[in-house]
Amino acid sequence: MEFLAEKIHAHRWPQESPLWDDSIQLQIDNSLNKNSQKKKIKIDKKIIQIENFKFSNVKKIGISIPFFKDECRMIFEAQFGELFTHIHITVKSENYLEIFNQLISWRNEFFPK
């Protein structure tokens, strides 16, 4: 599954996980957090790729449509190499409902409760 996201926010999580060095934080900020361009999201089974960053060991996936907004959001925990992270993805495109349904189906298939 592939789609574009208008907003990404990635941060270290949990708080007791190893600190990110300044170069990693700068990469994440410049490419994802502070970049206003749409970002390409590619999901392949249990790997989520956002631009050139691959996230593995994905868990605690939340997918929602906020009240009174034409968008969908996905939040999850994952690893980026040896680092732990929490990712927030916001999709505001006109096909956000289709993307929402695809994300729910993907989560149900690869991360059953």
N, C-alpha and C. Protein backbone atom coordinates (compact mmCIF):
# COMPACT_ATOMS: atom_id res chain seq x y z
N MET A 1 0.85 -1.17 0.00
CA MET A 1 0.00 0.00 0.00
C MET A 1 0.90 1.23 0.00
N GLU A 2 0.54 2.21 -0.81
CA GLU A 2 1.28 3.47 -0.86
C GLU A 2 0.30 4.64 -0.88
N PHE A 3 0.68 5.71 -0.21
CA PHE A 3 -0.12 6.93 -0.22
C PHE A 3 0.76 8.10 0.21
N LEU A 4 0.22 9.30 0.08
CA LEU A 4 0.94 10.51 0.49
C LEU A 4 0.32 11.05 1.77
N ALA A 5 1.18 11.56 2.65
CA ALA A 5 0.72 12.15 3.90
C ALA A 5 1.15 13.61 3.94
N GLU A 6 0.26 14.44 4.44
CA GLU A 6 0.55 15.87 4.53
C GLU A 6 1.42 16.21 5.73
N LYS A 7 1.30 15.41 6.78
CA LYS A 7 2.03 15.75 8.00
C LYS A 7 2.56 14.49 8.67
N ILE A 8 3.81 14.57 9.12
CA ILE A 8 4.45 13.50 9.87
C ILE A 8 5.11 14.12 11.09
N HIS A 9 4.98 13.45 12.20
CA HIS A 9 5.75 13.86 13.38
C HIS A 9 6.33 12.59 14.01
N ALA A 10 7.65 12.55 14.10
CA ALA A 10 8.36 11.42 14.71
C ALA A 10 9.16 11.92 15.90
N HIS A 11 9.08 11.18 16.99
CA HIS A 11 9.86 11.55 18.17
C HIS A 11 10.27 10.30 18.92
N ARG A 12 11.27 10.44 19.76
CA ARG A 12 11.78 9.33 20.55
C ARG A 12 10.71 8.88 21.54
N TRP A 13 10.53 7.56 21.60
CA TRP A 13 9.55 7.01 22.53
C TRP A 13 9.88 5.57 22.77
N PRO A 14 9.78 5.03 23.92
CA PRO A 14 9.41 5.70 25.16
C PRO A 14 10.52 6.60 25.68
N GLN A 15 10.18 7.40 26.65
CA GLN A 15 11.13 8.40 27.15
C GLN A 15 12.40 7.79 27.72
N GLU A 16 12.33 6.57 28.24
CA GLU A 16 13.52 5.93 28.80
C GLU A 16 14.36 5.21 27.74
N SER A 17 13.96 5.28 26.47
CA SER A 17 14.75 4.66 25.40
C SER A 17 16.02 5.49 25.14
N PRO A 18 17.00 4.89 24.46
CA PRO A 18 18.26 5.62 24.19
C PRO A 18 18.01 6.95 23.47
N LEU A 19 18.77 7.96 23.85
CA LEU A 19 18.67 9.27 23.20
C LEU A 19 19.09 9.19 21.75
N TRP A 20 18.47 10.03 20.92
CA TRP A 20 18.88 10.14 19.52
C TRP A 20 20.03 11.13 19.48
N ASP A 21 21.05 10.83 18.68
CA ASP A 21 22.11 11.84 18.57
C ASP A 21 21.62 12.99 17.69
N ASP A 22 22.33 14.09 17.76
CA ASP A 22 21.90 15.31 17.06
C ASP A 22 21.74 15.13 15.56
N SER A 23 22.60 14.31 14.94
CA SER A 23 22.51 14.13 13.48
C SER A 23 21.24 13.38 13.09
N ILE A 24 20.84 12.39 13.89
CA ILE A 24 19.59 11.67 13.61
C ILE A 24 18.40 12.60 13.80
N GLN A 25 18.40 13.36 14.89
CA GLN A 25 17.30 14.29 15.13
C GLN A 25 17.19 15.31 14.00
N LEU A 26 18.32 15.80 13.52
CA LEU A 26 18.33 16.76 12.42
C LEU A 26 17.78 16.13 11.13
N GLN A 27 18.17 14.88 10.85
CA GLN A 27 17.65 14.17 9.68
C GLN A 27 16.14 14.02 9.75
N ILE A 28 15.65 13.56 10.89
CA ILE A 28 14.20 13.36 11.08
C ILE A 28 13.47 14.70 10.97
N ASP A 29 14.00 15.73 11.60
CA ASP A 29 13.35 17.04 11.54
C ASP A 29 13.31 17.58 10.12
N ASN A 30 14.45 17.54 9.42
CA ASN A 30 14.51 18.11 8.07
C ASN A 30 13.69 17.32 7.06
N SER A 31 13.66 16.01 7.18
CA SER A 31 12.95 15.18 6.20
C SER A 31 11.48 14.99 6.52
N LEU A 32 11.14 14.91 7.80
CA LEU A 32 9.78 14.56 8.18
C LEU A 32 9.08 15.64 8.99
N ASN A 33 9.58 15.93 10.17
CA ASN A 33 8.86 16.78 11.12
C ASN A 33 8.65 18.21 10.63
N LYS A 34 9.65 18.81 10.03
CA LYS A 34 9.57 20.23 9.65
C LYS A 34 9.48 20.44 8.14
N ASN A 35 9.27 19.37 7.41
CA ASN A 35 9.16 19.43 5.96
C ASN A 35 7.67 19.52 5.60
N SER A 36 7.27 20.62 4.99
CA SER A 36 5.85 20.84 4.69
C SER A 36 5.38 20.15 3.40
N GLN A 37 6.27 19.51 2.68
CA GLN A 37 5.88 18.81 1.46
C GLN A 37 5.21 17.48 1.82
N LYS A 38 4.39 16.96 0.91
CA LYS A 38 3.77 15.65 1.14
C LYS A 38 4.86 14.58 1.18
N LYS A 39 4.66 13.62 2.05
CA LYS A 39 5.63 12.54 2.21
C LYS A 39 5.04 11.22 1.73
N LYS A 40 5.87 10.44 1.06
CA LYS A 40 5.43 9.15 0.54
C LYS A 40 5.51 8.10 1.64
N ILE A 41 4.39 7.40 1.84
CA ILE A 41 4.30 6.32 2.81
C ILE A 41 4.13 5.03 2.03
N LYS A 42 4.94 4.05 2.36
CA LYS A 42 4.83 2.73 1.74
C LYS A 42 4.77 1.71 2.86
N ILE A 43 3.73 0.87 2.82
CA ILE A 43 3.57 -0.16 3.84
C ILE A 43 3.67 -1.51 3.16
N ASP A 44 4.60 -2.32 3.64
CA ASP A 44 4.80 -3.66 3.11
C ASP A 44 4.80 -4.65 4.28
N LYS A 45 3.69 -5.30 4.47
CA LYS A 45 3.47 -6.24 5.57
C LYS A 45 3.70 -5.55 6.91
N LYS A 46 4.83 -5.80 7.56
CA LYS A 46 5.07 -5.23 8.89
C LYS A 46 6.16 -4.15 8.89
N ILE A 47 6.47 -3.62 7.72
CA ILE A 47 7.46 -2.54 7.58
C ILE A 47 6.75 -1.31 7.04
N ILE A 48 7.00 -0.17 7.66
CA ILE A 48 6.45 1.10 7.19
C ILE A 48 7.62 1.97 6.78
N GLN A 49 7.60 2.39 5.52
CA GLN A 49 8.64 3.28 5.02
C GLN A 49 8.04 4.66 4.79
N ILE A 50 8.67 5.68 5.36
CA ILE A 50 8.27 7.07 5.16
C ILE A 50 9.46 7.77 4.53
N GLU A 51 9.27 8.16 3.27
CA GLU A 51 10.39 8.68 2.48
C GLU A 51 11.52 7.65 2.52
N ASN A 52 12.72 7.99 3.01
CA ASN A 52 13.84 7.06 3.02
C ASN A 52 14.05 6.37 4.37
N PHE A 53 13.11 6.52 5.28
CA PHE A 53 13.22 5.94 6.62
C PHE A 53 12.37 4.69 6.72
N LYS A 54 12.98 3.57 7.13
CA LYS A 54 12.24 2.32 7.30
C LYS A 54 12.03 2.06 8.79
N PHE A 55 10.77 1.79 9.14
CA PHE A 55 10.41 1.52 10.52
C PHE A 55 9.95 0.07 10.65
N SER A 56 10.54 -0.63 11.61
CA SER A 56 10.22 -2.04 11.84
C SER A 56 9.74 -2.23 13.27
N ASN A 57 9.44 -3.47 13.62
CA ASN A 57 8.91 -3.79 14.96
C ASN A 57 7.75 -2.86 15.33
N VAL A 58 6.86 -2.71 14.39
CA VAL A 58 5.70 -1.82 14.54
C VAL A 58 4.73 -2.41 15.57
N LYS A 59 4.22 -1.55 16.45
CA LYS A 59 3.24 -2.00 17.44
C LYS A 59 2.39 -0.81 17.89
N LYS A 60 1.36 -1.11 18.66
CA LYS A 60 0.44 -0.11 19.20
C LYS A 60 -0.06 0.84 18.12
N ILE A 61 -0.70 0.28 17.12
CA ILE A 61 -1.16 1.05 15.96
C ILE A 61 -2.56 1.59 16.22
N GLY A 62 -2.69 2.90 16.14
CA GLY A 62 -4.00 3.55 16.25
C GLY A 62 -4.33 4.24 14.94
N ILE A 63 -5.54 4.02 14.45
CA ILE A 63 -5.99 4.62 13.19
C ILE A 63 -7.34 5.27 13.46
N SER A 64 -7.49 6.55 13.11
CA SER A 64 -8.73 7.24 13.43
C SER A 64 -9.06 8.32 12.42
N ILE A 65 -10.32 8.75 12.49
CA ILE A 65 -10.80 9.93 11.77
C ILE A 65 -11.30 10.88 12.84
N PRO A 66 -10.61 12.00 13.03
CA PRO A 66 -11.03 12.95 14.08
C PRO A 66 -12.41 13.57 13.77
N PHE A 67 -13.15 13.84 14.82
CA PHE A 67 -14.44 14.51 14.65
C PHE A 67 -14.27 15.83 13.90
N PHE A 68 -15.19 16.09 12.99
CA PHE A 68 -15.30 17.36 12.27
C PHE A 68 -14.10 17.69 11.38
N LYS A 69 -13.31 16.67 11.01
CA LYS A 69 -12.16 16.90 10.13
C LYS A 69 -12.21 15.92 8.98
N ASP A 70 -11.80 16.37 7.81
CA ASP A 70 -11.73 15.51 6.63
C ASP A 70 -10.31 15.00 6.50
N GLU A 71 -9.93 14.09 7.40
CA GLU A 71 -8.59 13.53 7.41
C GLU A 71 -8.59 12.23 8.20
N CYS A 72 -7.54 11.45 8.01
CA CYS A 72 -7.35 10.29 8.87
C CYS A 72 -5.95 10.36 9.46
N ARG A 73 -5.82 9.72 10.61
CA ARG A 73 -4.54 9.74 11.32
C ARG A 73 -4.15 8.33 11.70
N MET A 74 -2.86 8.11 11.70
CA MET A 74 -2.32 6.84 12.19
C MET A 74 -1.18 7.17 13.14
N ILE A 75 -1.17 6.50 14.27
CA ILE A 75 -0.11 6.66 15.27
C ILE A 75 0.40 5.27 15.59
N PHE A 76 1.72 5.12 15.69
CA PHE A 76 2.28 3.81 16.02
C PHE A 76 3.65 3.97 16.65
N GLU A 77 4.08 2.91 17.31
CA GLU A 77 5.43 2.82 17.84
C GLU A 77 6.21 1.89 16.93
N ALA A 78 7.51 2.17 16.78
CA ALA A 78 8.34 1.35 15.91
C ALA A 78 9.81 1.57 16.23
N GLN A 79 10.65 0.84 15.50
CA GLN A 79 12.08 1.04 15.60
C GLN A 79 12.60 1.56 14.28
N PHE A 80 13.56 2.45 14.37
CA PHE A 80 14.29 2.99 13.22
C PHE A 80 15.74 2.58 13.47
N GLY A 81 16.17 1.49 12.85
CA GLY A 81 17.47 0.93 13.19
C GLY A 81 17.41 0.45 14.63
N GLU A 82 18.30 0.95 15.47
CA GLU A 82 18.32 0.58 16.89
C GLU A 82 17.54 1.57 17.75
N LEU A 83 16.99 2.60 17.13
CA LEU A 83 16.30 3.65 17.88
C LEU A 83 14.80 3.40 17.94
N PHE A 84 14.20 3.81 19.04
CA PHE A 84 12.76 3.66 19.23
C PHE A 84 12.07 4.98 18.95
N THR A 85 10.88 4.89 18.35
CA THR A 85 10.19 6.11 17.93
C THR A 85 8.68 5.95 18.01
N HIS A 86 8.03 7.07 18.04
CA HIS A 86 6.57 7.18 18.01
C HIS A 86 6.26 8.05 16.80
N ILE A 87 5.42 7.58 15.91
CA ILE A 87 5.14 8.28 14.64
C ILE A 87 3.67 8.67 14.58
N HIS A 88 3.42 9.91 14.16
CA HIS A 88 2.07 10.42 13.91
C HIS A 88 2.00 10.75 12.42
N ILE A 89 1.02 10.19 11.73
CA ILE A 89 0.82 10.44 10.30
C ILE A 89 -0.56 11.05 10.11
N THR A 90 -0.64 12.13 9.35
CA THR A 90 -1.93 12.77 9.04
C THR A 90 -2.11 12.81 7.53
N VAL A 91 -3.25 12.29 7.06
CA VAL A 91 -3.60 12.28 5.64
C VAL A 91 -4.84 13.15 5.46
N LYS A 92 -4.71 14.19 4.62
CA LYS A 92 -5.81 15.12 4.40
C LYS A 92 -6.32 15.11 2.96
N SER A 93 -5.82 14.20 2.14
CA SER A 93 -6.22 14.17 0.74
C SER A 93 -7.69 13.80 0.60
N GLU A 94 -8.23 14.04 -0.58
CA GLU A 94 -9.66 13.80 -0.79
C GLU A 94 -10.03 12.33 -0.66
N ASN A 95 -9.06 11.42 -0.77
CA ASN A 95 -9.35 9.99 -0.63
C ASN A 95 -8.97 9.46 0.76
N TYR A 96 -9.05 10.32 1.77
CA TYR A 96 -8.66 9.91 3.12
C TYR A 96 -9.49 8.75 3.64
N LEU A 97 -10.77 8.65 3.25
CA LEU A 97 -11.61 7.53 3.70
C LEU A 97 -11.13 6.21 3.12
N GLU A 98 -10.75 6.23 1.86
CA GLU A 98 -10.21 5.03 1.22
C GLU A 98 -8.91 4.60 1.91
N ILE A 99 -8.05 5.55 2.18
CA ILE A 99 -6.79 5.25 2.87
C ILE A 99 -7.07 4.72 4.27
N PHE A 100 -8.01 5.32 4.98
CA PHE A 100 -8.41 4.85 6.30
C PHE A 100 -8.84 3.39 6.24
N ASN A 101 -9.70 3.04 5.30
CA ASN A 101 -10.18 1.66 5.16
C ASN A 101 -9.04 0.70 4.83
N GLN A 102 -8.12 1.11 3.97
CA GLN A 102 -6.97 0.27 3.65
C GLN A 102 -6.09 0.05 4.88
N LEU A 103 -5.88 1.11 5.66
CA LEU A 103 -5.07 0.99 6.88
C LEU A 103 -5.71 0.05 7.89
N ILE A 104 -7.02 0.14 8.06
CA ILE A 104 -7.73 -0.75 8.98
C ILE A 104 -7.57 -2.20 8.51
N SER A 105 -7.76 -2.45 7.22
CA SER A 105 -7.62 -3.81 6.68
C SER A 105 -6.19 -4.32 6.88
N TRP A 106 -5.21 -3.47 6.62
CA TRP A 106 -3.80 -3.86 6.80
C TRP A 106 -3.53 -4.21 8.26
N ARG A 107 -3.98 -3.36 9.18
CA ARG A 107 -3.75 -3.62 10.60
C ARG A 107 -4.42 -4.92 11.03
N ASN A 108 -5.65 -5.17 10.57
CA ASN A 108 -6.35 -6.38 10.93
C ASN A 108 -5.66 -7.64 10.39
N GLU A 109 -5.07 -7.52 9.22
CA GLU A 109 -4.36 -8.67 8.63
C GLU A 109 -3.03 -8.97 9.29
N PHE A 110 -2.22 -7.94 9.51
CA PHE A 110 -0.85 -8.16 9.98
C PHE A 110 -0.66 -7.97 11.49
N PHE A 111 -1.63 -7.37 12.16
CA PHE A 111 -1.53 -7.15 13.60
C PHE A 111 -2.86 -7.49 14.27
N PRO A 112 -3.31 -8.73 14.12
CA PRO A 112 -4.61 -9.10 14.72
C PRO A 112 -4.56 -9.02 16.25
N LYS A 113 -5.69 -8.69 16.81
CA LYS A 113 -5.76 -8.56 18.29
C LYS A 113 -6.02 -9.88 18.93
